Every structure is written in C-alpha cells, then in structure tokens.
Amino acid sequence: MAFRSDHRARRRLLQLHRWEVLERFAPRLPVGAAPMHYVLGPAGMTLPADRFTRVEGMSAALYKNERALPRTFVVDRYRVATGNAARRLLRDGGIDYRREVLLESEPDAGDRPEAASALATPGHARILRYQDERLDIETDASGRRLLVLTDAWFPGWTATIDGRPVPIFRADVAFRAVSVPAGRHVVAFEYRPASVRIGAWMSALALAIAALMLLSGLGRRTT
C-alpha cells in the first residue's frame, strides 16, 4: 500500500490492523518483493535498517520502505500472469519493476507497449493532482508505454487520456496500469462506482418525469 505521508499511513494502517482487514489483502509477499511504500507487521517485527525506517507511534510495527518505487512510473514491457503464477513471479523476484509489469489479461494490439532501448529510460510520469477520488498524471515517452500506478486496484475507478476513456489493467496483482501513447499526455483516474452512476441516472430520470408532469399540467390549464 502507498500513502502520501507518514501521518496518513499511520492512521489508515492502524485502522485496518484493528479491523483485521489486512489479513485479506493480496498479494502476501516477502518483504521487499514488491514496490510497497509501507510494511505493517506484528509488534516486535524488525526489518533491515538499510532499507526500512520504523515509523513511531503505533502498537504494531510500521516500516517505511526507503527503496520503494515511485507512486507512478512508466514501463516498456509486460507479461501476462494470474493467480498463484503471478504471485510466484513477484515473490521470486522474477520481475524488473522499473521496466516490466504483470498484467492479468493480454492488451489489445494497439495498447501493447513498444520496447525502448536497453540504456534509455522508458519514459517519465509526474503527478499533477492527487485527491481521494481524482488523480491526474502527466506522461512523456518516445513510444507507447504502460503507466503503472501503485495505488490499490479497486472496482469503480475509471481512466481517461486527454479526456478519452481508456481501460485500466490490473497490474502486479494489486495495482493499476494504463496504456499511454507516445508524446506528452494527461492521464486522469477518477473514482466513479456504479452506484453513483446509477443514482445520477435515477435522479435525472426523476427530474425529467417531474418536468413532463409539470408541462402536462400547464397544458391542461391553458386548454
């Protein structure tokens, strides 16, 4: 899990620890096997001091991974793997996170990334806006790439590139990825669960019916 600050991480992870939700999170991987920004464990747990810094103020052990990947970055390769096969690849260090991502399904031909040269950086990603239900990222790359966001994958999130809807891929079991074209673009992630969309449609329908009834009543009065 990734958080914007130690304070936010401490508060949220302590909640999840108390609710025993963390036991249901996936993937369950050895420490350091994935680009996690924070690691939460039982009281008394210790981690290598050269990579992890203890965050004080919790009964459980919360550590910040000082070598974690950025919250968002660009890669130029992918593999398709699901379930235990994907977890084994992540667990055994079979993925170079800075260049490659695991996807649950094969992208369409037009969404597959183009490989950059071995010495070149696949591209750049910069967060423009970060809110609870909205995230804007600027990408810049010399070819089509995959933008990886290390926020948790969850149903209800939508994505657009320069205002055009695009699919979100489940990445590295627990994260999100979007195929981005060459050049400079803005990718927007927005949380819009189906319940909100259905509620908006129902409200619009109710307003339309009320307007029709009002117009019908006015028409009868004029006649």
Foldseek 3Di string as FASTA:
>chain_A
DDDDDLVVCQVVVLVCVVVVVVVVDDDPAPPPLALDQKDWAAAPDDDDPVFWDWDDDDNTTMIGGPPHDDQKAWAQEEEADDDPVLRVCSRVNVDDVQHYKYFPDDDDPVQHGHDDDPPDRQWGKDWPDDDPFKTKIKIAGQFKIKMWGADFDDPQKWKDKQNHTFDWTQISPTTIITIDGHGIIMMMIGRGHPVNVVVVVVVVVVVVVVVVVVVVVVVVVVD
